Amino acid sequence: MLEDLVEAAYTQQKKPPLTRANRQLAIVRHLWRLAYELKVIPQRRYQHGAKLIDELGRQIGGWLRGQTQ
């Protein structure tokens, strides 16, 4: 995901790497939830991580929306 975000920052065609990063973030979101459901991480850590993941998703989504206009 980090590679895709860096690529998007330095290329003219930003939409493909941003789309890949967004897809990878969706996978991370599901794995994070699974870790919580399997009690690998405590609730407080899950909530903090979920908040960070959500914020990153909002940033990528905003960047993507800016590219389609």
PDB file of N, CA and C in Angstrom:
ATOM      1  N   MET A   1       0.830  -1.179   0.000  1.00  0.00           N
ATOM      2  CA  MET A   1       0.000   0.000   0.000  1.00  0.00           C
ATOM      3  C   MET A   1       0.881   1.252   0.000  1.00  0.00           C
ATOM      4  N   LEU A   2       1.913   1.269   0.808  1.00  0.00           N
ATOM      5  CA  LEU A   2       2.795   2.432   0.869  1.00  0.00           C
ATOM      6  C   LEU A   2       3.435   2.696  -0.489  1.00  0.00           C
ATOM      7  N   GLU A   3       3.860   1.641  -1.170  1.00  0.00           N
ATOM      8  CA  GLU A   3       4.459   1.809  -2.496  1.00  0.00           C
ATOM      9  C   GLU A   3       3.474   2.455  -3.460  1.00  0.00           C
ATOM     10  N   ASP A   4       2.216   2.041  -3.405  1.00  0.00           N
ATOM     11  CA  ASP A   4       1.200   2.607  -4.288  1.00  0.00           C
ATOM     12  C   ASP A   4       0.950   4.077  -3.974  1.00  0.00           C
ATOM     13  N   LEU A   5       0.946   4.437  -2.704  1.00  0.00           N
ATOM     14  CA  LEU A   5       0.735   5.837  -2.331  1.00  0.00           C
ATOM     15  C   LEU A   5       1.907   6.712  -2.768  1.00  0.00           C
ATOM     16  N   VAL A   6       3.118   6.197  -2.636  1.00  0.00           N
ATOM     17  CA  VAL A   6       4.288   6.947  -3.096  1.00  0.00           C
ATOM     18  C   VAL A   6       4.252   7.076  -4.613  1.00  0.00           C
ATOM     19  N   GLU A   7       3.892   5.992  -5.301  1.00  0.00           N
ATOM     20  CA  GLU A   7       3.778   6.048  -6.761  1.00  0.00           C
ATOM     21  C   GLU A   7       2.753   7.101  -7.179  1.00  0.00           C
ATOM     22  N   ALA A   8       1.623   7.142  -6.496  1.00  0.00           N
ATOM     23  CA  ALA A   8       0.580   8.118  -6.826  1.00  0.00           C
ATOM     24  C   ALA A   8       1.077   9.545  -6.626  1.00  0.00           C
ATOM     25  N   ALA A   9       1.931   9.732  -5.645  1.00  0.00           N
ATOM     26  CA  ALA A   9       2.441  11.075  -5.369  1.00  0.00           C
ATOM     27  C   ALA A   9       3.381  11.571  -6.466  1.00  0.00           C
ATOM     28  N   TYR A  10       4.028  10.649  -7.175  1.00  0.00           N
ATOM     29  CA  TYR A  10       5.060  11.044  -8.134  1.00  0.00           C
ATOM     30  C   TYR A  10       4.732  10.737  -9.585  1.00  0.00           C
ATOM     31  N   THR A  11       3.507  10.343  -9.889  1.00  0.00           N
ATOM     32  CA  THR A  11       3.168  10.012 -11.266  1.00  0.00           C
ATOM     33  C   THR A  11       2.007  10.867 -11.757  1.00  0.00           C
ATOM     34  N   GLN A  12       1.890  10.975 -13.060  1.00  0.00           N
ATOM     35  CA  GLN A  12       0.778  11.714 -13.655  1.00  0.00           C
ATOM     36  C   GLN A  12      -0.521  10.923 -13.538  1.00  0.00           C
ATOM     37  N   GLN A  13      -0.440   9.614 -13.754  1.00  0.00           N
ATOM     38  CA  GLN A  13      -1.611   8.733 -13.695  1.00  0.00           C
ATOM     39  C   GLN A  13      -1.799   8.253 -12.257  1.00  0.00           C
ATOM     40  N   LYS A  14      -2.514   9.007 -11.466  1.00  0.00           N
ATOM     41  CA  LYS A  14      -2.656   8.718 -10.040  1.00  0.00           C
ATOM     42  C   LYS A  14      -3.746   7.697  -9.726  1.00  0.00           C
ATOM     43  N   LYS A  15      -4.744   7.590 -10.592  1.00  0.00           N
ATOM     44  CA  LYS A  15      -5.894   6.751 -10.271  1.00  0.00           C
ATOM     45  C   LYS A  15      -5.547   5.262 -10.098  1.00  0.00           C
ATOM     46  N   PRO A  16      -4.747   4.635 -10.992  1.00  0.00           N
ATOM     47  CA  PRO A  16      -4.448   3.205 -10.790  1.00  0.00           C
ATOM     48  C   PRO A  16      -3.761   2.888  -9.460  1.00  0.00           C
ATOM     49  N   PRO A  17      -2.690   3.606  -9.075  1.00  0.00           N
ATOM     50  CA  PRO A  17      -2.078   3.266  -7.784  1.00  0.00           C
ATOM     51  C   PRO A  17      -2.981   3.590  -6.593  1.00  0.00           C
ATOM     52  N   LEU A  18      -3.799   4.633  -6.705  1.00  0.00           N
ATOM     53  CA  LEU A  18      -4.720   4.952  -5.610  1.00  0.00           C
ATOM     54  C   LEU A  18      -5.794   3.880  -5.475  1.00  0.00           C
ATOM     55  N   THR A  19      -6.255   3.356  -6.599  1.00  0.00           N
ATOM     56  CA  THR A  19      -7.248   2.280  -6.569  1.00  0.00           C
ATOM     57  C   THR A  19      -6.653   1.034  -5.921  1.00  0.00           C
ATOM     58  N   ARG A  20      -5.400   0.713  -6.264  1.00  0.00           N
ATOM     59  CA  ARG A  20      -4.733  -0.442  -5.640  1.00  0.00           C
ATOM     60  C   ARG A  20      -4.573  -0.225  -4.135  1.00  0.00           C
ATOM     61  N   ALA A  21      -4.163   0.966  -3.740  1.00  0.00           N
ATOM     62  CA  ALA A  21      -3.991   1.271  -2.314  1.00  0.00           C
ATOM     63  C   ALA A  21      -5.317   1.164  -1.577  1.00  0.00           C
ATOM     64  N   ASN A  22      -6.388   1.629  -2.194  1.00  0.00           N
ATOM     65  CA  ASN A  22      -7.714   1.557  -1.588  1.00  0.00           C
ATOM     66  C   ASN A  22      -8.149   0.101  -1.410  1.00  0.00           C
ATOM     67  N   ARG A  23      -7.876  -0.724  -2.409  1.00  0.00           N
ATOM     68  CA  ARG A  23      -8.212  -2.150  -2.334  1.00  0.00           C
ATOM     69  C   ARG A  23      -7.410  -2.828  -1.222  1.00  0.00           C
ATOM     70  N   GLN A  24      -6.126  -2.498  -1.130  1.00  0.00           N
ATOM     71  CA  GLN A  24      -5.287  -3.084  -0.092  1.00  0.00           C
ATOM     72  C   GLN A  24      -5.732  -2.638   1.298  1.00  0.00           C
ATOM     73  N   LEU A  25      -6.186  -1.407   1.411  1.00  0.00           N
ATOM     74  CA  LEU A  25      -6.683  -0.916   2.696  1.00  0.00           C
ATOM     75  C   LEU A  25      -7.949  -1.667   3.110  1.00  0.00           C
ATOM     76  N   ALA A  26      -8.793  -2.009   2.154  1.00  0.00           N
ATOM     77  CA  ALA A  26      -9.990  -2.795   2.469  1.00  0.00           C
ATOM     78  C   ALA A  26      -9.597  -4.156   3.037  1.00  0.00           C
ATOM     79  N   ILE A  27      -8.546  -4.748   2.494  1.00  0.00           N
ATOM     80  CA  ILE A  27      -8.059  -6.034   3.012  1.00  0.00           C
ATOM     81  C   ILE A  27      -7.527  -5.855   4.430  1.00  0.00           C
ATOM     82  N   VAL A  28      -6.760  -4.804   4.659  1.00  0.00           N
ATOM     83  CA  VAL A  28      -6.228  -4.518   6.001  1.00  0.00           C
ATOM     84  C   VAL A  28      -7.371  -4.331   6.987  1.00  0.00           C
ATOM     85  N   ARG A  29      -8.408  -3.617   6.562  1.00  0.00           N
ATOM     86  CA  ARG A  29      -9.573  -3.378   7.428  1.00  0.00           C
ATOM     87  C   ARG A  29     -10.214  -4.708   7.846  1.00  0.00           C
ATOM     88  N   HIS A  30     -10.371  -5.622   6.901  1.00  0.00           N
ATOM     89  CA  HIS A  30     -10.973  -6.926   7.219  1.00  0.00           C
ATOM     90  C   HIS A  30     -10.062  -7.756   8.127  1.00  0.00           C
ATOM     91  N   LEU A  31      -8.764  -7.732   7.863  1.00  0.00           N
ATOM     92  CA  LEU A  31      -7.832  -8.485   8.704  1.00  0.00           C
ATOM     93  C   LEU A  31      -7.789  -7.919  10.124  1.00  0.00           C
ATOM     94  N   TRP A  32      -7.864  -6.604  10.250  1.00  0.00           N
ATOM     95  CA  TRP A  32      -7.864  -5.964  11.570  1.00  0.00           C
ATOM     96  C   TRP A  32      -9.095  -6.387  12.363  1.00  0.00           C
ATOM     97  N   ARG A  33     -10.258  -6.402  11.692  1.00  0.00           N
ATOM     98  CA  ARG A  33     -11.496  -6.827  12.344  1.00  0.00           C
ATOM     99  C   ARG A  33     -11.415  -8.304  12.740  1.00  0.00           C
ATOM    100  N   LEU A  34     -10.846  -9.117  11.864  1.00  0.00           N
ATOM    101  CA  LEU A  34     -10.699 -10.540  12.161  1.00  0.00           C
ATOM    102  C   LEU A  34      -9.794 -10.747  13.378  1.00  0.00           C
ATOM    103  N   ALA A  35      -8.707  -9.988  13.450  1.00  0.00           N
ATOM    104  CA  ALA A  35      -7.808 -10.094  14.607  1.00  0.00           C
ATOM    105  C   ALA A  35      -8.548  -9.773  15.900  1.00  0.00           C
ATOM    106  N   TYR A  36      -9.422  -8.793  15.857  1.00  0.00           N
ATOM    107  CA  TYR A  36     -10.211  -8.441  17.041  1.00  0.00           C
ATOM    108  C   TYR A  36     -11.209  -9.545  17.378  1.00  0.00           C
ATOM    109  N   GLU A  37     -11.909 -10.044  16.361  1.00  0.00           N
ATOM    110  CA  GLU A  37     -12.914 -11.082  16.602  1.00  0.00           C
ATOM    111  C   GLU A  37     -12.290 -12.365  17.140  1.00  0.00           C
ATOM    112  N   LEU A  38     -11.053 -12.641  16.746  1.00  0.00           N
ATOM    113  CA  LEU A  38     -10.351 -13.823  17.251  1.00  0.00           C
ATOM    114  C   LEU A  38      -9.649 -13.547  18.578  1.00  0.00           C
ATOM    115  N   LYS A  39      -9.858 -12.342  19.107  1.00  0.00           N
ATOM    116  CA  LYS A  39      -9.302 -11.919  20.393  1.00  0.00           C
ATOM    117  C   LYS A  39      -7.770 -11.898  20.403  1.00  0.00           C
ATOM    118  N   VAL A  40      -7.194 -11.580  19.253  1.00  0.00           N
ATOM    119  CA  VAL A  40      -5.748 -11.426  19.151  1.00  0.00           C
ATOM    120  C   VAL A  40      -5.336 -10.051  19.679  1.00  0.00           C
ATOM    121  N   ILE A  41      -6.222  -9.074  19.515  1.00  0.00           N
ATOM    122  CA  ILE A  41      -5.962  -7.722  20.010  1.00  0.00           C
ATOM    123  C   ILE A  41      -7.122  -7.302  20.912  1.00  0.00           C
ATOM    124  N   PRO A  42      -6.835  -6.512  21.941  1.00  0.00           N
ATOM    125  CA  PRO A  42      -7.904  -6.050  22.833  1.00  0.00           C
ATOM    126  C   PRO A  42      -8.777  -4.985  22.155  1.00  0.00           C
ATOM    127  N   GLN A  43      -9.941  -4.770  22.729  1.00  0.00           N
ATOM    128  CA  GLN A  43     -10.916  -3.851  22.149  1.00  0.00           C
ATOM    129  C   GLN A  43     -10.357  -2.436  21.981  1.00  0.00           C
ATOM    130  N   ARG A  44      -9.660  -1.960  22.981  1.00  0.00           N
ATOM    131  CA  ARG A  44      -9.143  -0.587  22.919  1.00  0.00           C
ATOM    132  C   ARG A  44      -8.152  -0.415  21.766  1.00  0.00           C
ATOM    133  N   ARG A  45      -7.281  -1.394  21.582  1.00  0.00           N
ATOM    134  CA  ARG A  45      -6.318  -1.333  20.480  1.00  0.00           C
ATOM    135  C   ARG A  45      -7.044  -1.435  19.140  1.00  0.00           C
ATOM    136  N   TYR A  46      -8.074  -2.292  19.083  1.00  0.00           N
ATOM    137  CA  TYR A  46      -8.870  -2.414  17.856  1.00  0.00           C
ATOM    138  C   TYR A  46      -9.507  -1.076  17.500  1.00  0.00           C
ATOM    139  N   GLN A  47     -10.106  -0.427  18.481  1.00  0.00           N
ATOM    140  CA  GLN A  47     -10.778   0.848  18.222  1.00  0.00           C
ATOM    141  C   GLN A  47      -9.795   1.904  17.718  1.00  0.00           C
ATOM    142  N   HIS A  48      -8.629   1.949  18.327  1.00  0.00           N
ATOM    143  CA  HIS A  48      -7.626   2.926  17.901  1.00  0.00           C
ATOM    144  C   HIS A  48      -7.169   2.637  16.467  1.00  0.00           C
ATOM    145  N   GLY A  49      -6.858   1.376  16.193  1.00  0.00           N
ATOM    146  CA  GLY A  49      -6.422   0.998  14.846  1.00  0.00           C
ATOM    147  C   GLY A  49      -7.503   1.227  13.811  1.00  0.00           C
ATOM    148  N   ALA A  50      -8.750   0.905  14.160  1.00  0.00           N
ATOM    149  CA  ALA A  50      -9.862   1.100  13.232  1.00  0.00           C
ATOM    150  C   ALA A  50     -10.036   2.579  12.907  1.00  0.00           C
ATOM    151  N   LYS A  51      -9.818   3.426  13.895  1.00  0.00           N
ATOM    152  CA  LYS A  51      -9.920   4.873  13.669  1.00  0.00           C
ATOM    153  C   LYS A  51      -8.839   5.338  12.694  1.00  0.00           C
ATOM    154  N   LEU A  52      -7.621   4.841  12.866  1.00  0.00           N
ATOM    155  CA  LEU A  52      -6.529   5.211  11.964  1.00  0.00           C
ATOM    156  C   LEU A  52      -6.779   4.693  10.547  1.00  0.00           C
ATOM    157  N   ILE A  53      -7.256   3.456  10.446  1.00  0.00           N
ATOM    158  CA  ILE A  53      -7.564   2.873   9.139  1.00  0.00           C
ATOM    159  C   ILE A  53      -8.664   3.669   8.453  1.00  0.00           C
ATOM    160  N   ASP A  54      -9.673   4.062   9.219  1.00  0.00           N
ATOM    161  CA  ASP A  54     -10.773   4.849   8.663  1.00  0.00           C
ATOM    162  C   ASP A  54     -10.268   6.193   8.142  1.00  0.00           C
ATOM    163  N   GLU A  55      -9.402   6.839   8.896  1.00  0.00           N
ATOM    164  CA  GLU A  55      -8.858   8.131   8.473  1.00  0.00           C
ATOM    165  C   GLU A  55      -8.040   7.987   7.191  1.00  0.00           C
ATOM    166  N   LEU A  56      -7.239   6.955   7.117  1.00  0.00           N
ATOM    167  CA  LEU A  56      -6.461   6.720   5.904  1.00  0.00           C
ATOM    168  C   LEU A  56      -7.384   6.467   4.716  1.00  0.00           C
ATOM    169  N   GLY A  57      -8.452   5.723   4.948  1.00  0.00           N
ATOM    170  CA  GLY A  57      -9.428   5.478   3.889  1.00  0.00           C
ATOM    171  C   GLY A  57     -10.079   6.760   3.402  1.00  0.00           C
ATOM    172  N   ARG A  58     -10.371   7.658   4.322  1.00  0.00           N
ATOM    173  CA  ARG A  58     -10.958   8.949   3.939  1.00  0.00           C
ATOM    174  C   ARG A  58      -9.974   9.764   3.095  1.00  0.00           C
ATOM    175  N   GLN A  59      -8.713   9.722   3.467  1.00  0.00           N
ATOM    176  CA  GLN A  59      -7.701  10.470   2.715  1.00  0.00           C
ATOM    177  C   GLN A  59      -7.523   9.900   1.311  1.00  0.00           C
ATOM    178  N   ILE A  60      -7.428   8.585   1.207  1.00  0.00           N
ATOM    179  CA  ILE A  60      -7.286   7.960  -0.110  1.00  0.00           C
ATOM    180  C   ILE A  60      -8.535   8.215  -0.945  1.00  0.00           C
ATOM    181  N   GLY A  61      -9.704   8.083  -0.331  1.00  0.00           N
ATOM    182  CA  GLY A  61     -10.957   8.325  -1.047  1.00  0.00           C
ATOM    183  C   GLY A  61     -11.058   9.747  -1.565  1.00  0.00           C
ATOM    184  N   GLY A  62     -10.662  10.705  -0.760  1.00  0.00           N
ATOM    185  CA  GLY A  62     -10.677  12.097  -1.195  1.00  0.00           C
ATOM    186  C   GLY A  62      -9.712  12.340  -2.339  1.00  0.00           C
ATOM    187  N   TRP A  63      -8.554  11.724  -2.263  1.00  0.00           N
ATOM    188  CA  TRP A  63      -7.560  11.859  -3.322  1.00  0.00           C
ATOM    189  C   TRP A  63      -8.097  11.248  -4.614  1.00  0.00           C
ATOM    190  N   LEU A  64      -8.743  10.091  -4.479  1.00  0.00           N
ATOM    191  CA  LEU A  64      -9.337   9.437  -5.656  1.00  0.00           C
ATOM    192  C   LEU A  64     -10.436  10.297  -6.270  1.00  0.00           C
ATOM    193  N   ARG A  65     -11.317  10.827  -5.450  1.00  0.00           N
ATOM    194  CA  ARG A  65     -12.397  11.677  -5.968  1.00  0.00           C
ATOM    195  C   ARG A  65     -11.836  12.898  -6.686  1.00  0.00           C
ATOM    196  N   GLY A  66     -10.756  13.426  -6.203  1.00  0.00           N
ATOM    197  CA  GLY A  66     -10.119  14.567  -6.849  1.00  0.00           C
ATOM    198  C   GLY A  66      -9.547  14.234  -8.215  1.00  0.00           C
ATOM    199  N   GLN A  67      -9.213  12.975  -8.441  1.00  0.00           N
ATOM    200  CA  GLN A  67      -8.643  12.556  -9.720  1.00  0.00           C
ATOM    201  C   GLN A  67      -9.703  12.307 -10.783  1.00  0.00           C
ATOM    202  N   THR A  68     -10.920  12.001 -10.390  1.00  0.00           N
ATOM    203  CA  THR A  68     -11.956  11.668 -11.370  1.00  0.00           C
ATOM    204  C   THR A  68     -12.669  12.902 -11.885  1.00  0.00           C
ATOM    205  N   GLN A  69     -12.448  14.043 -11.268  1.00  0.00           N
ATOM    206  CA  GLN A  69     -13.138  15.266 -11.692  1.00  0.00           C
ATOM    207  C   GLN A  69     -12.396  15.966 -12.807  1.00  0.00           C
TER     208      GLN A  69
END
